[in-house]
Amino acid sequence: MPYIKEEERLELDSCIDQMIVCIFDNKTSLSNPHDFQNYLGRINYCFSRVLGGLMKEPSYNKVAMITGVLENIKQEFYRRVASPYEDKKILENGDIREYQK
C-alpha cells in the first residue's frame, strides 16, 4: 500500500514531483505532447530504472517481491481510480443486462 508516514513522503515528494515534470516537459521527442499515450513509454522507462536500480543484482526473492509490489500498485490504482470511473460510467450509460441486480 502506498500509505507511508508523512515524514517519508516529504523526503520523496520533491523527487517524484521532479520526475513528473521531466516526463511531461521533454516534448521535443514526442510526436504529440497532448496525447497521454505518448507518455506511457516514459512512465515505463522511469519505473523500470527505479526498480532495476534498487534491485541491483536480481534474485528470485527480489523479483518475486517486486512483482508483488507492482501487482499491489495495479490493484490499488484500479480500486482508487478505475473502479470509481467505471461506476460513474455505469450511472451515465446504464449497466449491462448480465450485471444488473
N, C-alpha and C. Protein backbone atom coordinates (compact mmCIF):
# COMPACT_ATOMS: atom_id res chain seq x y z
N MET A 1 0.83 -1.18 0.00
CA MET A 1 0.00 0.00 0.00
C MET A 1 0.88 1.25 0.00
N PRO A 2 0.42 2.29 -0.65
CA PRO A 2 1.24 3.49 -0.78
C PRO A 2 1.18 4.44 0.41
N TYR A 3 0.68 3.96 1.53
CA TYR A 3 0.42 4.86 2.64
C TYR A 3 1.56 4.80 3.65
N ILE A 4 2.61 5.53 3.34
CA ILE A 4 3.77 5.62 4.23
C ILE A 4 3.61 6.86 5.11
N LYS A 5 4.43 6.94 6.13
CA LYS A 5 4.35 8.07 7.07
C LYS A 5 4.65 9.39 6.36
N GLU A 6 4.07 10.44 6.91
CA GLU A 6 4.20 11.77 6.30
C GLU A 6 5.66 12.19 6.14
N GLU A 7 6.50 11.91 7.13
CA GLU A 7 7.91 12.33 7.01
C GLU A 7 8.63 11.59 5.88
N GLU A 8 8.24 10.34 5.62
CA GLU A 8 8.83 9.62 4.49
C GLU A 8 8.35 10.22 3.17
N ARG A 9 7.08 10.62 3.13
CA ARG A 9 6.55 11.25 1.92
C ARG A 9 7.29 12.55 1.61
N LEU A 10 7.56 13.33 2.64
CA LEU A 10 8.25 14.61 2.45
C LEU A 10 9.63 14.40 1.83
N GLU A 11 10.31 13.33 2.22
CA GLU A 11 11.62 13.03 1.65
C GLU A 11 11.54 12.71 0.16
N LEU A 12 10.46 12.09 -0.25
CA LEU A 12 10.34 11.58 -1.62
C LEU A 12 9.59 12.51 -2.57
N ASP A 13 8.68 13.31 -2.04
CA ASP A 13 7.76 14.06 -2.90
C ASP A 13 8.45 15.01 -3.87
N SER A 14 9.49 15.69 -3.46
CA SER A 14 10.13 16.63 -4.39
C SER A 14 10.78 15.88 -5.55
N CYS A 15 11.35 14.71 -5.28
CA CYS A 15 11.94 13.90 -6.36
C CYS A 15 10.85 13.39 -7.30
N ILE A 16 9.75 12.94 -6.74
CA ILE A 16 8.65 12.45 -7.56
C ILE A 16 8.06 13.58 -8.39
N ASP A 17 7.86 14.74 -7.76
CA ASP A 17 7.35 15.90 -8.50
C ASP A 17 8.26 16.25 -9.66
N GLN A 18 9.56 16.19 -9.44
CA GLN A 18 10.53 16.49 -10.50
C GLN A 18 10.45 15.45 -11.62
N MET A 19 10.25 14.19 -11.26
CA MET A 19 10.12 13.15 -12.28
C MET A 19 8.89 13.40 -13.14
N ILE A 20 7.80 13.78 -12.50
CA ILE A 20 6.57 14.08 -13.25
C ILE A 20 6.81 15.23 -14.23
N VAL A 21 7.48 16.27 -13.76
CA VAL A 21 7.79 17.41 -14.62
C VAL A 21 8.66 16.96 -15.79
N CYS A 22 9.66 16.13 -15.52
CA CYS A 22 10.55 15.65 -16.58
C CYS A 22 9.80 14.82 -17.62
N ILE A 23 8.90 13.97 -17.16
CA ILE A 23 8.13 13.15 -18.09
C ILE A 23 7.28 14.03 -19.01
N PHE A 24 6.65 15.05 -18.45
CA PHE A 24 5.76 15.90 -19.24
C PHE A 24 6.48 17.01 -20.00
N ASP A 25 7.60 17.50 -19.51
CA ASP A 25 8.22 18.67 -20.11
C ASP A 25 9.08 18.40 -21.33
N ASN A 26 9.66 17.24 -21.45
CA ASN A 26 10.54 16.96 -22.59
C ASN A 26 9.70 16.61 -23.81
N LYS A 27 9.12 17.64 -24.41
CA LYS A 27 8.18 17.43 -25.51
C LYS A 27 8.85 17.38 -26.88
N THR A 28 10.14 17.63 -26.95
CA THR A 28 10.79 17.73 -28.25
C THR A 28 10.78 16.40 -28.99
N SER A 29 10.84 15.28 -28.27
CA SER A 29 10.89 13.99 -28.96
C SER A 29 9.52 13.33 -29.07
N LEU A 30 8.49 14.01 -28.60
CA LEU A 30 7.14 13.43 -28.66
C LEU A 30 6.43 13.90 -29.92
N SER A 31 5.79 12.96 -30.61
CA SER A 31 5.07 13.34 -31.83
C SER A 31 3.85 14.20 -31.52
N ASN A 32 3.17 13.91 -30.40
CA ASN A 32 2.02 14.71 -29.99
C ASN A 32 2.04 14.82 -28.47
N PRO A 33 2.60 15.90 -27.93
CA PRO A 33 2.73 16.01 -26.48
C PRO A 33 1.41 16.13 -25.74
N HIS A 34 0.30 16.29 -26.45
CA HIS A 34 -1.00 16.40 -25.80
C HIS A 34 -1.71 15.04 -25.71
N ASP A 35 -1.10 14.00 -26.29
CA ASP A 35 -1.68 12.66 -26.27
C ASP A 35 -1.04 11.87 -25.13
N PHE A 36 -1.83 11.49 -24.14
CA PHE A 36 -1.32 10.80 -22.96
C PHE A 36 -0.56 9.53 -23.33
N GLN A 37 -0.95 8.86 -24.39
CA GLN A 37 -0.27 7.62 -24.79
C GLN A 37 1.22 7.84 -25.04
N ASN A 38 1.58 9.04 -25.44
CA ASN A 38 2.99 9.33 -25.69
C ASN A 38 3.83 9.29 -24.42
N TYR A 39 3.20 9.38 -23.26
CA TYR A 39 3.95 9.38 -22.00
C TYR A 39 4.11 7.99 -21.41
N LEU A 40 3.38 7.00 -21.93
CA LEU A 40 3.40 5.68 -21.32
C LEU A 40 4.77 5.02 -21.38
N GLY A 41 5.46 5.15 -22.48
CA GLY A 41 6.82 4.60 -22.57
C GLY A 41 7.77 5.25 -21.58
N ARG A 42 7.61 6.55 -21.38
CA ARG A 42 8.45 7.27 -20.42
C ARG A 42 8.15 6.82 -19.00
N ILE A 43 6.87 6.60 -18.70
CA ILE A 43 6.49 6.12 -17.37
C ILE A 43 7.11 4.74 -17.14
N ASN A 44 6.98 3.85 -18.12
CA ASN A 44 7.55 2.51 -18.02
C ASN A 44 9.06 2.59 -17.82
N TYR A 45 9.73 3.42 -18.61
CA TYR A 45 11.18 3.58 -18.51
C TYR A 45 11.58 4.04 -17.11
N CYS A 46 10.92 5.06 -16.61
CA CYS A 46 11.27 5.61 -15.29
C CYS A 46 11.11 4.57 -14.19
N PHE A 47 9.98 3.89 -14.16
CA PHE A 47 9.76 2.91 -13.11
C PHE A 47 10.67 1.70 -13.26
N SER A 48 10.94 1.31 -14.50
CA SER A 48 11.88 0.20 -14.72
C SER A 48 13.27 0.56 -14.21
N ARG A 49 13.71 1.80 -14.45
CA ARG A 49 15.01 2.24 -13.94
C ARG A 49 15.03 2.25 -12.43
N VAL A 50 13.97 2.77 -11.80
CA VAL A 50 13.90 2.82 -10.34
C VAL A 50 13.98 1.40 -9.77
N LEU A 51 13.17 0.50 -10.29
CA LEU A 51 13.15 -0.87 -9.78
C LEU A 51 14.48 -1.57 -10.01
N GLY A 52 15.02 -1.43 -11.21
CA GLY A 52 16.31 -2.04 -11.51
C GLY A 52 17.44 -1.47 -10.66
N GLY A 53 17.40 -0.17 -10.45
CA GLY A 53 18.43 0.47 -9.64
C GLY A 53 18.38 0.06 -8.18
N LEU A 54 17.18 -0.16 -7.67
CA LEU A 54 17.05 -0.58 -6.28
C LEU A 54 17.35 -2.06 -6.11
N MET A 55 17.01 -2.87 -7.11
CA MET A 55 17.21 -4.31 -7.00
C MET A 55 18.68 -4.68 -7.10
N LYS A 56 19.43 -3.95 -7.89
CA LYS A 56 20.83 -4.24 -8.20
C LYS A 56 20.93 -5.64 -8.81
N GLU A 57 21.40 -6.63 -8.06
CA GLU A 57 21.53 -7.99 -8.58
C GLU A 57 20.21 -8.73 -8.46
N PRO A 58 19.68 -9.27 -9.57
CA PRO A 58 18.42 -9.98 -9.48
C PRO A 58 18.55 -11.31 -8.72
N SER A 59 17.51 -11.66 -8.03
CA SER A 59 17.37 -12.97 -7.41
C SER A 59 15.90 -13.32 -7.45
N TYR A 60 15.60 -14.58 -7.25
CA TYR A 60 14.20 -15.00 -7.28
C TYR A 60 13.39 -14.21 -6.25
N ASN A 61 13.91 -14.10 -5.03
CA ASN A 61 13.18 -13.40 -3.98
C ASN A 61 12.93 -11.94 -4.33
N LYS A 62 13.93 -11.26 -4.85
CA LYS A 62 13.76 -9.85 -5.22
C LYS A 62 12.74 -9.69 -6.33
N VAL A 63 12.85 -10.54 -7.35
CA VAL A 63 11.91 -10.47 -8.47
C VAL A 63 10.49 -10.75 -7.98
N ALA A 64 10.33 -11.75 -7.12
CA ALA A 64 9.00 -12.09 -6.59
C ALA A 64 8.45 -10.94 -5.75
N MET A 65 9.29 -10.33 -4.93
CA MET A 65 8.82 -9.21 -4.10
C MET A 65 8.43 -8.01 -4.95
N ILE A 66 9.26 -7.69 -5.95
CA ILE A 66 8.98 -6.53 -6.80
C ILE A 66 7.71 -6.76 -7.62
N THR A 67 7.56 -7.95 -8.19
CA THR A 67 6.34 -8.20 -8.97
C THR A 67 5.11 -8.18 -8.05
N GLY A 68 5.27 -8.60 -6.81
CA GLY A 68 4.17 -8.49 -5.85
C GLY A 68 3.80 -7.05 -5.56
N VAL A 69 4.81 -6.21 -5.40
CA VAL A 69 4.55 -4.77 -5.17
C VAL A 69 3.88 -4.16 -6.40
N LEU A 70 4.34 -4.52 -7.59
CA LEU A 70 3.72 -4.00 -8.81
C LEU A 70 2.26 -4.44 -8.91
N GLU A 71 1.98 -5.67 -8.53
CA GLU A 71 0.60 -6.14 -8.52
C GLU A 71 -0.23 -5.36 -7.52
N ASN A 72 0.33 -5.08 -6.35
CA ASN A 72 -0.38 -4.27 -5.35
C ASN A 72 -0.64 -2.86 -5.87
N ILE A 73 0.33 -2.28 -6.54
CA ILE A 73 0.17 -0.95 -7.13
C ILE A 73 -0.97 -0.98 -8.14
N LYS A 74 -0.98 -1.99 -8.99
CA LYS A 74 -2.03 -2.12 -10.01
C LYS A 74 -3.40 -2.23 -9.35
N GLN A 75 -3.50 -3.08 -8.34
CA GLN A 75 -4.79 -3.28 -7.69
C GLN A 75 -5.26 -2.02 -6.97
N GLU A 76 -4.36 -1.32 -6.30
CA GLU A 76 -4.74 -0.10 -5.59
C GLU A 76 -5.13 1.00 -6.57
N PHE A 77 -4.41 1.10 -7.68
CA PHE A 77 -4.76 2.08 -8.71
C PHE A 77 -6.15 1.78 -9.26
N TYR A 78 -6.42 0.51 -9.51
CA TYR A 78 -7.73 0.14 -10.03
C TYR A 78 -8.83 0.46 -9.01
N ARG A 79 -8.56 0.12 -7.75
CA ARG A 79 -9.55 0.35 -6.68
C ARG A 79 -9.85 1.83 -6.50
N ARG A 80 -8.80 2.66 -6.54
CA ARG A 80 -8.97 4.08 -6.23
C ARG A 80 -9.33 4.92 -7.44
N VAL A 81 -8.89 4.53 -8.64
CA VAL A 81 -9.09 5.37 -9.83
C VAL A 81 -10.06 4.73 -10.82
N ALA A 82 -9.75 3.52 -11.24
CA ALA A 82 -10.55 2.90 -12.30
C ALA A 82 -11.94 2.51 -11.84
N SER A 83 -12.06 1.95 -10.67
CA SER A 83 -13.36 1.48 -10.18
C SER A 83 -14.37 2.64 -10.04
N PRO A 84 -13.99 3.75 -9.40
CA PRO A 84 -14.95 4.87 -9.35
C PRO A 84 -15.30 5.41 -10.74
N TYR A 85 -14.33 5.41 -11.65
CA TYR A 85 -14.59 5.85 -13.02
C TYR A 85 -15.61 4.91 -13.68
N GLU A 86 -15.41 3.59 -13.51
CA GLU A 86 -16.34 2.62 -14.07
C GLU A 86 -17.73 2.79 -13.48
N ASP A 87 -17.81 3.02 -12.17
CA ASP A 87 -19.12 3.23 -11.52
C ASP A 87 -19.83 4.45 -12.10
N LYS A 88 -19.07 5.51 -12.34
CA LYS A 88 -19.63 6.73 -12.93
C LYS A 88 -20.18 6.45 -14.32
N LYS A 89 -19.44 5.68 -15.11
CA LYS A 89 -19.88 5.37 -16.47
C LYS A 89 -21.12 4.46 -16.47
N ILE A 90 -21.22 3.56 -15.48
CA ILE A 90 -22.43 2.74 -15.36
C ILE A 90 -23.64 3.63 -15.11
N LEU A 91 -23.48 4.61 -14.23
CA LEU A 91 -24.59 5.52 -13.95
C LEU A 91 -24.96 6.36 -15.18
N GLU A 92 -23.95 6.78 -15.92
CA GLU A 92 -24.20 7.60 -17.10
C GLU A 92 -24.83 6.81 -18.24
N ASN A 93 -24.34 5.58 -18.46
CA ASN A 93 -24.72 4.83 -19.66
C ASN A 93 -25.58 3.60 -19.39
N GLY A 94 -25.75 3.25 -18.13
CA GLY A 94 -26.51 2.05 -17.80
C GLY A 94 -25.62 0.82 -17.74
N ASP A 95 -26.03 -0.11 -16.91
CA ASP A 95 -25.27 -1.34 -16.72
C ASP A 95 -25.62 -2.33 -17.82
N ILE A 96 -24.78 -3.34 -17.99
CA ILE A 96 -25.13 -4.40 -18.92
C ILE A 96 -26.11 -5.35 -18.23
N ARG A 97 -26.94 -5.97 -19.02
CA ARG A 97 -28.02 -6.79 -18.52
C ARG A 97 -27.54 -7.88 -17.56
N GLU A 98 -26.43 -8.52 -17.89
CA GLU A 98 -25.94 -9.64 -17.08
C GLU A 98 -25.47 -9.23 -15.69
N TYR A 99 -25.12 -7.96 -15.50
CA TYR A 99 -24.63 -7.49 -14.20
C TYR A 99 -25.68 -6.75 -13.39
N GLN A 100 -26.83 -6.50 -13.97
CA GLN A 100 -27.87 -5.79 -13.25
C GLN A 100 -28.43 -6.68 -12.14
N LYS A 101 -28.76 -6.05 -11.04
CA LYS A 101 -29.29 -6.79 -9.90
C LYS A 101 -30.79 -6.90 -9.99
